[in-house]
Protein backbone atom coordinates (compact mmCIF):
# COMPACT_ATOMS: atom_id res chain seq x y z
CA MET A 1 9.14 23.33 -12.85
CA ASP A 2 8.73 26.05 -10.41
CA LYS A 3 8.41 25.88 -6.73
CA GLN A 4 4.42 25.75 -6.91
CA GLU A 5 4.63 22.86 -9.26
CA ILE A 6 7.31 21.08 -7.20
CA ASP A 7 5.22 21.65 -3.96
CA ALA A 8 2.13 20.17 -5.80
CA ALA A 9 3.87 16.91 -6.81
CA VAL A 10 5.19 16.51 -3.38
CA ALA A 11 1.67 16.76 -1.84
CA SER A 12 0.53 14.20 -4.47
CA LEU A 13 3.05 11.79 -3.66
CA ALA A 14 2.53 12.12 0.14
CA GLY A 15 -1.43 11.70 -0.65
CA LEU A 16 -0.36 8.30 -1.85
CA PHE A 17 0.69 7.03 1.57
CA GLN A 18 -2.18 8.50 3.55
CA GLY A 19 -4.38 5.85 5.24
CA ARG A 20 -2.40 2.77 3.85
CA PRO A 21 -1.12 0.13 5.79
CA ALA A 22 2.60 0.53 6.93
CA ALA A 23 3.59 -2.41 4.68
CA ASP A 24 1.94 -0.84 1.81
CA GLN A 25 3.76 2.31 2.32
CA ARG A 26 7.16 0.40 2.58
CA ALA A 27 6.42 -1.23 -0.45
CA LEU A 28 5.52 2.26 -2.43
CA LEU A 29 8.46 3.95 -0.84
CA ALA A 30 10.79 1.14 -1.94
CA ALA A 31 9.58 1.50 -5.66
CA LEU A 32 10.00 5.35 -5.30
CA GLU A 33 13.62 4.72 -4.09
CA ARG A 34 14.37 2.55 -7.15
CA ALA A 35 12.96 5.17 -9.42
CA GLY A 36 15.21 7.69 -7.90
CA ALA A 37 17.97 5.63 -8.35
CA ALA A 38 17.10 5.36 -12.11
CA VAL A 39 16.91 9.09 -12.34
CA TYR A 40 20.47 9.33 -10.51
CA ARG A 41 21.98 6.92 -13.00
CA ALA A 42 20.30 8.87 -16.05
CA LEU A 43 21.80 11.97 -14.71
CA ALA A 44 25.22 10.31 -14.23
CA GLU A 45 24.95 9.41 -18.15
CA GLN A 46 24.79 12.71 -18.99
CA GLU A 47 27.49 14.24 -16.45
CA PRO A 48 30.83 15.14 -18.15
CA ASP A 49 32.49 15.88 -14.97
CA GLU A 50 33.94 12.37 -13.49
CA ALA A 51 33.63 13.47 -9.88
CA ALA A 52 30.15 14.71 -10.32
CA LYS A 53 29.44 11.39 -12.18
CA ALA A 54 30.77 9.53 -9.29
CA GLU A 55 28.53 11.28 -6.69
CA LEU A 56 25.70 10.77 -8.65
CA LEU A 57 26.19 7.04 -9.00
CA ALA A 58 27.08 6.77 -5.18
CA ALA A 59 23.59 8.60 -4.70
CA ALA A 60 21.83 5.89 -6.78
CA GLU A 61 23.53 3.29 -4.62
CA ARG A 62 22.02 4.85 -1.52
CA GLU A 63 18.62 5.01 -3.01
CA GLU A 64 19.08 1.30 -3.99
CA GLN A 65 20.21 0.55 -0.28
CA ASN A 66 16.98 2.54 0.89
CA ALA A 67 14.89 0.21 -1.28
CA ARG A 68 16.48 -2.93 0.09
CA VAL A 69 15.92 -1.61 3.88
CA LEU A 70 12.22 -1.27 3.16
CA GLU A 71 11.82 -4.47 1.14
CA ALA A 72 13.52 -6.37 4.09
CA ARG A 73 10.83 -5.14 6.29
CA ALA A 74 7.61 -5.96 3.90
């Protein structure tokens, strides 16, 4: 993906939040955080370097924590 494609994807995601109640925004963001965690775990599975793998798994856990924070306020 080039920068334009990434920017378009970000804008598309941002549009999903516009005009929605805060509870819906939190629910959507929690789901996206969990999806991000899954991506980090998938990247970790492919990572041959153990230190990098540990960092990716830690990032996945932070995404899961973000989701839990949002869900607790739903």
